[in-house]
Amino acid sequence: MSVYLLCITPPYKHARHYVGWTEERTVDHRVNQHLSGGCKATPLVIAALMAGSRVTLARRWEGDEFDRTFERRLKERGGKARARRCPLCGAKRRKANP
């Protein structure tokens, strides 16, 4: 099982991140489904890509302990908590505030 964090740059409306879950051991196949815009892609990612945003795999958690419960906890913490877990946004924040 795996959980992943996609970073949306520039943000699409209110959305800066997307957290997803897959039963697969690695996230690569599921993330490619999102980025290809096929029937398995989430509407948020499709809309962000169509609006010209870049969607990047920012972080992955792989292993048996990273299940739907872990994904749900990340989502319940809200957007600011996800941004703190995003190495791409965290790097931008550190550069802007030395």
PDB file of N, CA and C in Angstrom:
ATOM      1  N   MET A   1       0.833  -1.178   0.000  1.00  0.00           N
ATOM      2  CA  MET A   1       0.000   0.000   0.000  1.00  0.00           C
ATOM      3  C   MET A   1       0.878   1.242   0.000  1.00  0.00           C
ATOM      4  N   SER A   2       0.348   2.308  -0.570  1.00  0.00           N
ATOM      5  CA  SER A   2       1.133   3.535  -0.688  1.00  0.00           C
ATOM      6  C   SER A   2       0.232   4.758  -0.640  1.00  0.00           C
ATOM      7  N   VAL A   3       0.777   5.827  -0.128  1.00  0.00           N
ATOM      8  CA  VAL A   3       0.124   7.138  -0.114  1.00  0.00           C
ATOM      9  C   VAL A   3       1.083   8.093  -0.812  1.00  0.00           C
ATOM     10  N   TYR A   4       0.529   9.053  -1.546  1.00  0.00           N
ATOM     11  CA  TYR A   4       1.379   9.989  -2.285  1.00  0.00           C
ATOM     12  C   TYR A   4       0.826  11.395  -2.189  1.00  0.00           C
ATOM     13  N   LEU A   5       1.705  12.368  -2.388  1.00  0.00           N
ATOM     14  CA  LEU A   5       1.352  13.779  -2.344  1.00  0.00           C
ATOM     15  C   LEU A   5       1.742  14.411  -3.666  1.00  0.00           C
ATOM     16  N   LEU A   6       0.771  14.982  -4.359  1.00  0.00           N
ATOM     17  CA  LEU A   6       1.031  15.694  -5.602  1.00  0.00           C
ATOM     18  C   LEU A   6       1.021  17.187  -5.305  1.00  0.00           C
ATOM     19  N   CYS A   7       1.974  17.902  -5.842  1.00  0.00           N
ATOM     20  CA  CYS A   7       2.074  19.350  -5.669  1.00  0.00           C
ATOM     21  C   CYS A   7       1.612  20.021  -6.966  1.00  0.00           C
ATOM     22  N   ILE A   8       0.722  20.997  -6.852  1.00  0.00           N
ATOM     23  CA  ILE A   8       0.140  21.690  -8.006  1.00  0.00           C
ATOM     24  C   ILE A   8       0.717  23.108  -8.047  1.00  0.00           C
ATOM     25  N   THR A   9       1.443  23.424  -9.139  1.00  0.00           N
ATOM     26  CA  THR A   9       2.115  24.714  -9.272  1.00  0.00           C
ATOM     27  C   THR A   9       1.814  25.331 -10.627  1.00  0.00           C
ATOM     28  N   PRO A  10       1.345  26.551 -10.739  1.00  0.00           N
ATOM     29  CA  PRO A  10       0.793  27.331  -9.642  1.00  0.00           C
ATOM     30  C   PRO A  10      -0.496  26.684  -9.135  1.00  0.00           C
ATOM     31  N   PRO A  11      -0.941  27.055  -7.937  1.00  0.00           N
ATOM     32  CA  PRO A  11      -2.140  26.438  -7.384  1.00  0.00           C
ATOM     33  C   PRO A  11      -3.336  26.581  -8.324  1.00  0.00           C
ATOM     34  N   TYR A  12      -4.182  25.576  -8.326  1.00  0.00           N
ATOM     35  CA  TYR A  12      -5.411  25.628  -9.121  1.00  0.00           C
ATOM     36  C   TYR A  12      -6.534  26.045  -8.183  1.00  0.00           C
ATOM     37  N   LYS A  13      -7.025  27.271  -8.367  1.00  0.00           N
ATOM     38  CA  LYS A  13      -8.030  27.864  -7.480  1.00  0.00           C
ATOM     39  C   LYS A  13      -7.542  27.742  -6.038  1.00  0.00           C
ATOM     40  N   HIS A  14      -8.186  26.965  -5.229  1.00  0.00           N
ATOM     41  CA  HIS A  14      -7.801  26.823  -3.822  1.00  0.00           C
ATOM     42  C   HIS A  14      -6.799  25.694  -3.598  1.00  0.00           C
ATOM     43  N   ALA A  15      -6.585  24.855  -4.580  1.00  0.00           N
ATOM     44  CA  ALA A  15      -5.839  23.612  -4.376  1.00  0.00           C
ATOM     45  C   ALA A  15      -4.357  23.755  -4.691  1.00  0.00           C
ATOM     46  N   ARG A  16      -3.537  23.407  -3.714  1.00  0.00           N
ATOM     47  CA  ARG A  16      -2.088  23.386  -3.892  1.00  0.00           C
ATOM     48  C   ARG A  16      -1.553  21.968  -3.901  1.00  0.00           C
ATOM     49  N   HIS A  17      -2.314  21.028  -3.315  1.00  0.00           N
ATOM     50  CA  HIS A  17      -1.861  19.644  -3.179  1.00  0.00           C
ATOM     51  C   HIS A  17      -3.019  18.686  -3.353  1.00  0.00           C
ATOM     52  N   TYR A  18      -2.655  17.455  -3.694  1.00  0.00           N
ATOM     53  CA  TYR A  18      -3.615  16.356  -3.742  1.00  0.00           C
ATOM     54  C   TYR A  18      -2.964  15.163  -3.059  1.00  0.00           C
ATOM     55  N   VAL A  19      -3.682  14.565  -2.122  1.00  0.00           N
ATOM     56  CA  VAL A  19      -3.207  13.366  -1.443  1.00  0.00           C
ATOM     57  C   VAL A  19      -4.010  12.191  -1.962  1.00  0.00           C
ATOM     58  N   GLY A  20      -3.320  11.125  -2.342  1.00  0.00           N
ATOM     59  CA  GLY A  20      -3.998   9.941  -2.860  1.00  0.00           C
ATOM     60  C   GLY A  20      -3.447   8.672  -2.242  1.00  0.00           C
ATOM     61  N   TRP A  21      -4.132   7.584  -2.503  1.00  0.00           N
ATOM     62  CA  TRP A  21      -3.796   6.280  -1.940  1.00  0.00           C
ATOM     63  C   TRP A  21      -3.950   5.226  -3.011  1.00  0.00           C
ATOM     64  N   THR A  22      -3.127   4.205  -2.964  1.00  0.00           N
ATOM     65  CA  THR A  22      -3.250   3.085  -3.882  1.00  0.00           C
ATOM     66  C   THR A  22      -2.899   1.791  -3.155  1.00  0.00           C
ATOM     67  N   GLU A  23      -3.502   0.709  -3.579  1.00  0.00           N
ATOM     68  CA  GLU A  23      -3.204  -0.597  -2.996  1.00  0.00           C
ATOM     69  C   GLU A  23      -1.867  -1.144  -3.491  1.00  0.00           C
ATOM     70  N   GLU A  24      -1.373  -0.568  -4.573  1.00  0.00           N
ATOM     71  CA  GLU A  24      -0.111  -1.035  -5.149  1.00  0.00           C
ATOM     72  C   GLU A  24       1.049  -0.695  -4.221  1.00  0.00           C
ATOM     73  N   ARG A  25       2.108  -1.449  -4.345  1.00  0.00           N
ATOM     74  CA  ARG A  25       3.277  -1.267  -3.491  1.00  0.00           C
ATOM     75  C   ARG A  25       4.016   0.032  -3.802  1.00  0.00           C
ATOM     76  N   THR A  26       4.005   0.448  -5.060  1.00  0.00           N
ATOM     77  CA  THR A  26       4.615   1.722  -5.449  1.00  0.00           C
ATOM     78  C   THR A  26       3.552   2.617  -6.068  1.00  0.00           C
ATOM     79  N   VAL A  27       3.797   3.905  -6.060  1.00  0.00           N
ATOM     80  CA  VAL A  27       2.802   4.864  -6.520  1.00  0.00           C
ATOM     81  C   VAL A  27       2.926   5.209  -7.996  1.00  0.00           C
ATOM     82  N   ASP A  28       3.987   4.786  -8.644  1.00  0.00           N
ATOM     83  CA  ASP A  28       4.279   5.234 -10.009  1.00  0.00           C
ATOM     84  C   ASP A  28       3.118   5.013 -10.980  1.00  0.00           C
ATOM     85  N   HIS A  29       2.541   3.832 -10.985  1.00  0.00           N
ATOM     86  CA  HIS A  29       1.450   3.536 -11.917  1.00  0.00           C
ATOM     87  C   HIS A  29       0.239   4.430 -11.647  1.00  0.00           C
ATOM     88  N   ARG A  30      -0.102   4.611 -10.373  1.00  0.00           N
ATOM     89  CA  ARG A  30      -1.275   5.427 -10.035  1.00  0.00           C
ATOM     90  C   ARG A  30      -1.043   6.892 -10.388  1.00  0.00           C
ATOM     91  N   VAL A  31       0.134   7.409 -10.114  1.00  0.00           N
ATOM     92  CA  VAL A  31       0.436   8.802 -10.449  1.00  0.00           C
ATOM     93  C   VAL A  31       0.386   8.995 -11.964  1.00  0.00           C
ATOM     94  N   ASN A  32       0.897   8.042 -12.731  1.00  0.00           N
ATOM     95  CA  ASN A  32       0.817   8.137 -14.197  1.00  0.00           C
ATOM     96  C   ASN A  32      -0.629   8.147 -14.680  1.00  0.00           C
ATOM     97  N   GLN A  33      -1.516   7.422 -13.990  1.00  0.00           N
ATOM     98  CA  GLN A  33      -2.935   7.475 -14.352  1.00  0.00           C
ATOM     99  C   GLN A  33      -3.482   8.884 -14.168  1.00  0.00           C
ATOM    100  N   HIS A  34      -3.101   9.537 -13.089  1.00  0.00           N
ATOM    101  CA  HIS A  34      -3.532  10.926 -12.870  1.00  0.00           C
ATOM    102  C   HIS A  34      -2.999  11.837 -13.969  1.00  0.00           C
ATOM    103  N   LEU A  35      -1.718  11.745 -14.231  1.00  0.00           N
ATOM    104  CA  LEU A  35      -1.073  12.680 -15.154  1.00  0.00           C
ATOM    105  C   LEU A  35      -1.495  12.470 -16.602  1.00  0.00           C
ATOM    106  N   SER A  36      -1.917  11.260 -16.943  1.00  0.00           N
ATOM    107  CA  SER A  36      -2.370  11.015 -18.313  1.00  0.00           C
ATOM    108  C   SER A  36      -3.782  11.528 -18.545  1.00  0.00           C
ATOM    109  N   GLY A  37      -4.506  11.815 -17.469  1.00  0.00           N
ATOM    110  CA  GLY A  37      -5.850  12.356 -17.610  1.00  0.00           C
ATOM    111  C   GLY A  37      -6.894  11.337 -18.021  1.00  0.00           C
ATOM    112  N   GLY A  38      -6.613  10.074 -17.858  1.00  0.00           N
ATOM    113  CA  GLY A  38      -7.556   9.024 -18.222  1.00  0.00           C
ATOM    114  C   GLY A  38      -8.729   8.927 -17.265  1.00  0.00           C
ATOM    115  N   CYS A  39      -9.503   7.874 -17.414  1.00  0.00           N
ATOM    116  CA  CYS A  39     -10.714   7.716 -16.620  1.00  0.00           C
ATOM    117  C   CYS A  39     -10.426   7.491 -15.135  1.00  0.00           C
ATOM    118  N   LYS A  40      -9.213   7.103 -14.794  1.00  0.00           N
ATOM    119  CA  LYS A  40      -8.849   6.878 -13.389  1.00  0.00           C
ATOM    120  C   LYS A  40      -8.249   8.124 -12.732  1.00  0.00           C
ATOM    121  N   ALA A  41      -8.132   9.215 -13.461  1.00  0.00           N
ATOM    122  CA  ALA A  41      -7.562  10.444 -12.908  1.00  0.00           C
ATOM    123  C   ALA A  41      -8.612  11.170 -12.077  1.00  0.00           C
ATOM    124  N   THR A  42      -8.161  11.837 -11.040  1.00  0.00           N
ATOM    125  CA  THR A  42      -9.076  12.630 -10.223  1.00  0.00           C
ATOM    126  C   THR A  42      -9.433  13.917 -10.961  1.00  0.00           C
ATOM    127  N   PRO A  43     -10.656  14.394 -10.829  1.00  0.00           N
ATOM    128  CA  PRO A  43     -11.068  15.621 -11.522  1.00  0.00           C
ATOM    129  C   PRO A  43     -10.206  16.837 -11.172  1.00  0.00           C
ATOM    130  N   LEU A  44      -9.729  16.915  -9.937  1.00  0.00           N
ATOM    131  CA  LEU A  44      -8.883  18.044  -9.553  1.00  0.00           C
ATOM    132  C   LEU A  44      -7.604  18.084 -10.376  1.00  0.00           C
ATOM    133  N   VAL A  45      -6.953  16.956 -10.520  1.00  0.00           N
ATOM    134  CA  VAL A  45      -5.703  16.912 -11.288  1.00  0.00           C
ATOM    135  C   VAL A  45      -5.966  17.223 -12.753  1.00  0.00           C
ATOM    136  N   ILE A  46      -7.029  16.682 -13.304  1.00  0.00           N
ATOM    137  CA  ILE A  46      -7.376  16.974 -14.700  1.00  0.00           C
ATOM    138  C   ILE A  46      -7.600  18.472 -14.888  1.00  0.00           C
ATOM    139  N   ALA A  47      -8.377  19.091 -13.992  1.00  0.00           N
ATOM    140  CA  ALA A  47      -8.663  20.522 -14.109  1.00  0.00           C
ATOM    141  C   ALA A  47      -7.392  21.350 -13.971  1.00  0.00           C
ATOM    142  N   ALA A  48      -6.526  20.968 -13.041  1.00  0.00           N
ATOM    143  CA  ALA A  48      -5.275  21.712 -12.851  1.00  0.00           C
ATOM    144  C   ALA A  48      -4.397  21.620 -14.098  1.00  0.00           C
ATOM    145  N   LEU A  49      -4.291  20.429 -14.659  1.00  0.00           N
ATOM    146  CA  LEU A  49      -3.489  20.266 -15.874  1.00  0.00           C
ATOM    147  C   LEU A  49      -4.073  21.058 -17.039  1.00  0.00           C
ATOM    148  N   MET A  50      -5.382  21.039 -17.178  1.00  0.00           N
ATOM    149  CA  MET A  50      -6.027  21.786 -18.269  1.00  0.00           C
ATOM    150  C   MET A  50      -5.872  23.292 -18.090  1.00  0.00           C
ATOM    151  N   ALA A  51      -5.745  23.746 -16.859  1.00  0.00           N
ATOM    152  CA  ALA A  51      -5.566  25.174 -16.592  1.00  0.00           C
ATOM    153  C   ALA A  51      -4.112  25.609 -16.751  1.00  0.00           C
ATOM    154  N   GLY A  52      -3.225  24.652 -17.028  1.00  0.00           N
ATOM    155  CA  GLY A  52      -1.825  24.992 -17.257  1.00  0.00           C
ATOM    156  C   GLY A  52      -0.926  24.815 -16.054  1.00  0.00           C
ATOM    157  N   SER A  53      -1.447  24.271 -14.973  1.00  0.00           N
ATOM    158  CA  SER A  53      -0.615  24.020 -13.795  1.00  0.00           C
ATOM    159  C   SER A  53       0.258  22.799 -14.028  1.00  0.00           C
ATOM    160  N   ARG A  54       1.361  22.762 -13.315  1.00  0.00           N
ATOM    161  CA  ARG A  54       2.244  21.603 -13.340  1.00  0.00           C
ATOM    162  C   ARG A  54       1.922  20.760 -12.110  1.00  0.00           C
ATOM    163  N   VAL A  55       1.750  19.467 -12.307  1.00  0.00           N
ATOM    164  CA  VAL A  55       1.462  18.549 -11.198  1.00  0.00           C
ATOM    165  C   VAL A  55       2.655  17.625 -11.047  1.00  0.00           C
ATOM    166  N   THR A  56       3.253  17.636  -9.865  1.00  0.00           N
ATOM    167  CA  THR A  56       4.494  16.911  -9.617  1.00  0.00           C
ATOM    168  C   THR A  56       4.330  15.991  -8.415  1.00  0.00           C
ATOM    169  N   LEU A  57       4.856  14.792  -8.533  1.00  0.00           N
ATOM    170  CA  LEU A  57       4.894  13.895  -7.385  1.00  0.00           C
ATOM    171  C   LEU A  57       5.919  14.465  -6.403  1.00  0.00           C
ATOM    172  N   ALA A  58       5.431  14.910  -5.252  1.00  0.00           N
ATOM    173  CA  ALA A  58       6.302  15.576  -4.291  1.00  0.00           C
ATOM    174  C   ALA A  58       6.795  14.638  -3.202  1.00  0.00           C
ATOM    175  N   ARG A  59       5.962  13.682  -2.843  1.00  0.00           N
ATOM    176  CA  ARG A  59       6.345  12.792  -1.752  1.00  0.00           C
ATOM    177  C   ARG A  59       5.582  11.490  -1.859  1.00  0.00           C
ATOM    178  N   ARG A  60       6.210  10.423  -1.414  1.00  0.00           N
ATOM    179  CA  ARG A  60       5.566   9.113  -1.410  1.00  0.00           C
ATOM    180  C   ARG A  60       5.853   8.416  -0.089  1.00  0.00           C
ATOM    181  N   TRP A  61       4.852   7.711   0.381  1.00  0.00           N
ATOM    182  CA  TRP A  61       4.988   6.867   1.559  1.00  0.00           C
ATOM    183  C   TRP A  61       4.608   5.467   1.101  1.00  0.00           C
ATOM    184  N   GLU A  62       5.532   4.533   1.150  1.00  0.00           N
ATOM    185  CA  GLU A  62       5.275   3.185   0.650  1.00  0.00           C
ATOM    186  C   GLU A  62       5.523   2.167   1.753  1.00  0.00           C
ATOM    187  N   GLY A  63       4.604   1.233   1.884  1.00  0.00           N
ATOM    188  CA  GLY A  63       4.724   0.185   2.889  1.00  0.00           C
ATOM    189  C   GLY A  63       3.366  -0.131   3.488  1.00  0.00           C
ATOM    190  N   ASP A  64       3.300  -1.220   4.219  1.00  0.00           N
ATOM    191  CA  ASP A  64       2.030  -1.685   4.759  1.00  0.00           C
ATOM    192  C   ASP A  64       1.384  -0.697   5.726  1.00  0.00           C
ATOM    193  N   GLU A  65       2.186   0.099   6.432  1.00  0.00           N
ATOM    194  CA  GLU A  65       1.613   1.030   7.406  1.00  0.00           C
ATOM    195  C   GLU A  65       0.977   2.252   6.755  1.00  0.00           C
ATOM    196  N   PHE A  66       1.232   2.471   5.474  1.00  0.00           N
ATOM    197  CA  PHE A  66       0.694   3.638   4.777  1.00  0.00           C
ATOM    198  C   PHE A  66      -0.558   3.228   3.998  1.00  0.00           C
ATOM    199  N   ASP A  67      -1.653   3.169   4.706  1.00  0.00           N
ATOM    200  CA  ASP A  67      -2.918   2.687   4.152  1.00  0.00           C
ATOM    201  C   ASP A  67      -3.917   3.838   4.050  1.00  0.00           C
ATOM    202  N   ARG A  68      -5.179   3.511   3.853  1.00  0.00           N
ATOM    203  CA  ARG A  68      -6.225   4.535   3.724  1.00  0.00           C
ATOM    204  C   ARG A  68      -6.383   5.341   5.005  1.00  0.00           C
ATOM    205  N   THR A  69      -6.133   4.718   6.136  1.00  0.00           N
ATOM    206  CA  THR A  69      -6.221   5.441   7.409  1.00  0.00           C
ATOM    207  C   THR A  69      -5.172   6.546   7.459  1.00  0.00           C
ATOM    208  N   PHE A  70      -3.966   6.250   7.018  1.00  0.00           N
ATOM    209  CA  PHE A  70      -2.900   7.253   6.968  1.00  0.00           C
ATOM    210  C   PHE A  70      -3.276   8.373   5.994  1.00  0.00           C
ATOM    211  N   GLU A  71      -3.794   8.003   4.833  1.00  0.00           N
ATOM    212  CA  GLU A  71      -4.228   9.005   3.844  1.00  0.00           C
ATOM    213  C   GLU A  71      -5.298   9.907   4.446  1.00  0.00           C
ATOM    214  N   ARG A  72      -6.257   9.334   5.116  1.00  0.00           N
ATOM    215  CA  ARG A  72      -7.361  10.092   5.713  1.00  0.00           C
ATOM    216  C   ARG A  72      -6.830  11.064   6.767  1.00  0.00           C
ATOM    217  N   ARG A  73      -5.863  10.633   7.565  1.00  0.00           N
ATOM    218  CA  ARG A  73      -5.281  11.527   8.575  1.00  0.00           C
ATOM    219  C   ARG A  73      -4.600  12.721   7.918  1.00  0.00           C
ATOM    220  N   LEU A  74      -3.891  12.492   6.813  1.00  0.00           N
ATOM    221  CA  LEU A  74      -3.259  13.606   6.097  1.00  0.00           C
ATOM    222  C   LEU A  74      -4.306  14.584   5.576  1.00  0.00           C
ATOM    223  N   LYS A  75      -5.382  14.059   5.026  1.00  0.00           N
ATOM    224  CA  LYS A  75      -6.429  14.918   4.470  1.00  0.00           C
ATOM    225  C   LYS A  75      -7.162  15.702   5.561  1.00  0.00           C
ATOM    226  N   GLU A  76      -7.366  15.085   6.704  1.00  0.00           N
ATOM    227  CA  GLU A  76      -8.089  15.753   7.789  1.00  0.00           C
ATOM    228  C   GLU A  76      -7.293  16.894   8.402  1.00  0.00           C
ATOM    229  N   ARG A  77      -5.981  16.869   8.281  1.00  0.00           N
ATOM    230  CA  ARG A  77      -5.147  17.919   8.866  1.00  0.00           C
ATOM    231  C   ARG A  77      -5.232  19.233   8.103  1.00  0.00           C
ATOM    232  N   GLY A  78      -5.732  19.204   6.896  1.00  0.00           N
ATOM    233  CA  GLY A  78      -5.914  20.434   6.143  1.00  0.00           C
ATOM    234  C   GLY A  78      -4.733  20.806   5.267  1.00  0.00           C
ATOM    235  N   GLY A  79      -4.952  21.838   4.468  1.00  0.00           N
ATOM    236  CA  GLY A  79      -3.981  22.250   3.460  1.00  0.00           C
ATOM    237  C   GLY A  79      -2.653  22.723   4.007  1.00  0.00           C
ATOM    238  N   LYS A  80      -2.655  23.464   5.116  1.00  0.00           N
ATOM    239  CA  LYS A  80      -1.394  23.965   5.660  1.00  0.00           C
ATOM    240  C   LYS A  80      -0.515  22.822   6.136  1.00  0.00           C
ATOM    241  N   ALA A  81      -1.116  21.807   6.725  1.00  0.00           N
ATOM    242  CA  ALA A  81      -0.340  20.647   7.178  1.00  0.00           C
ATOM    243  C   ALA A  81       0.255  19.904   5.985  1.00  0.00           C
ATOM    244  N   ARG A  82      -0.500  19.821   4.880  1.00  0.00           N
ATOM    245  CA  ARG A  82       0.032  19.160   3.679  1.00  0.00           C
ATOM    246  C   ARG A  82       1.189  19.961   3.106  1.00  0.00           C
ATOM    247  N   ALA A  83       1.071  21.273   3.119  1.00  0.00           N
ATOM    248  CA  ALA A  83       2.153  22.115   2.595  1.00  0.00           C
ATOM    249  C   ALA A  83       3.430  21.925   3.406  1.00  0.00           C
ATOM    250  N   ARG A  84       3.291  21.740   4.721  1.00  0.00           N
ATOM    251  CA  ARG A  84       4.480  21.509   5.551  1.00  0.00           C
ATOM    252  C   ARG A  84       5.111  20.165   5.233  1.00  0.00           C
ATOM    253  N   ARG A  85       4.337  19.205   4.750  1.00  0.00           N
ATOM    254  CA  ARG A  85       4.874  17.890   4.403  1.00  0.00           C
ATOM    255  C   ARG A  85       5.424  17.848   2.979  1.00  0.00           C
ATOM    256  N   CYS A  86       5.193  18.890   2.202  1.00  0.00           N
ATOM    257  CA  CYS A  86       5.621  18.919   0.803  1.00  0.00           C
ATOM    258  C   CYS A  86       7.049  19.453   0.711  1.00  0.00           C
ATOM    259  N   PRO A  87       7.997  18.623   0.256  1.00  0.00           N
ATOM    260  CA  PRO A  87       9.370  19.112   0.149  1.00  0.00           C
ATOM    261  C   PRO A  87       9.522  20.209  -0.901  1.00  0.00           C
ATOM    262  N   LEU A  88       8.653  20.255  -1.885  1.00  0.00           N
ATOM    263  CA  LEU A  88       8.754  21.300  -2.911  1.00  0.00           C
ATOM    264  C   LEU A  88       8.311  22.646  -2.350  1.00  0.00           C
ATOM    265  N   CYS A  89       7.191  22.690  -1.674  1.00  0.00           N
ATOM    266  CA  CYS A  89       6.705  23.941  -1.080  1.00  0.00           C
ATOM    267  C   CYS A  89       7.556  24.345   0.111  1.00  0.00           C
ATOM    268  N   GLY A  90       8.006  23.367   0.877  1.00  0.00           N
ATOM    269  CA  GLY A  90       8.864  23.659   2.022  1.00  0.00           C
ATOM    270  C   GLY A  90      10.161  24.303   1.581  1.00  0.00           C
ATOM    271  N   ALA A  91      10.712  23.832   0.453  1.00  0.00           N
ATOM    272  CA  ALA A  91      11.947  24.417  -0.072  1.00  0.00           C
ATOM    273  C   ALA A  91      11.714  25.861  -0.487  1.00  0.00           C
ATOM    274  N   LYS A  92      10.579  26.158  -1.090  1.00  0.00           N
ATOM    275  CA  LYS A  92      10.269  27.531  -1.500  1.00  0.00           C
ATOM    276  C   LYS A  92      10.124  28.430  -0.281  1.00  0.00           C
ATOM    277  N   ARG A  93       9.449  27.920   0.757  1.00  0.00           N
ATOM    278  CA  ARG A  93       9.224  28.685   1.951  1.00  0.00           C
ATOM    279  C   ARG A  93      10.561  29.023   2.645  1.00  0.00           C
ATOM    280  N   ARG A  94      11.467  28.058   2.714  1.00  0.00           N
ATOM    281  CA  ARG A  94      12.758  28.301   3.352  1.00  0.00           C
ATOM    282  C   ARG A  94      13.581  29.329   2.579  1.00  0.00           C
ATOM    283  N   LYS A  95      13.527  29.298   1.257  1.00  0.00           N
ATOM    284  CA  LYS A  95      14.286  30.259   0.453  1.00  0.00           C
ATOM    285  C   LYS A  95      13.738  31.670   0.646  1.00  0.00           C
ATOM    286  N   ALA A  96      12.423  31.785   0.733  1.00  0.00           N
ATOM    287  CA  ALA A  96      11.809  33.111   0.851  1.00  0.00           C
ATOM    288  C   ALA A  96      12.040  33.709   2.224  1.00  0.00           C
ATOM    289  N   ASN A  97      12.209  32.875   3.252  1.00  0.00           N
ATOM    290  CA  ASN A  97      12.397  33.363   4.615  1.00  0.00           C
ATOM    291  C   ASN A  97      13.706  32.827   5.179  1.00  0.00           C
ATOM    292  N   PRO A  98      14.849  33.416   4.809  1.00  0.00           N
ATOM    293  CA  PRO A  98      16.144  32.884   5.267  1.00  0.00           C
ATOM    294  C   PRO A  98      16.350  33.036   6.763  1.00  0.00           C
TER     295      PRO A  98
END
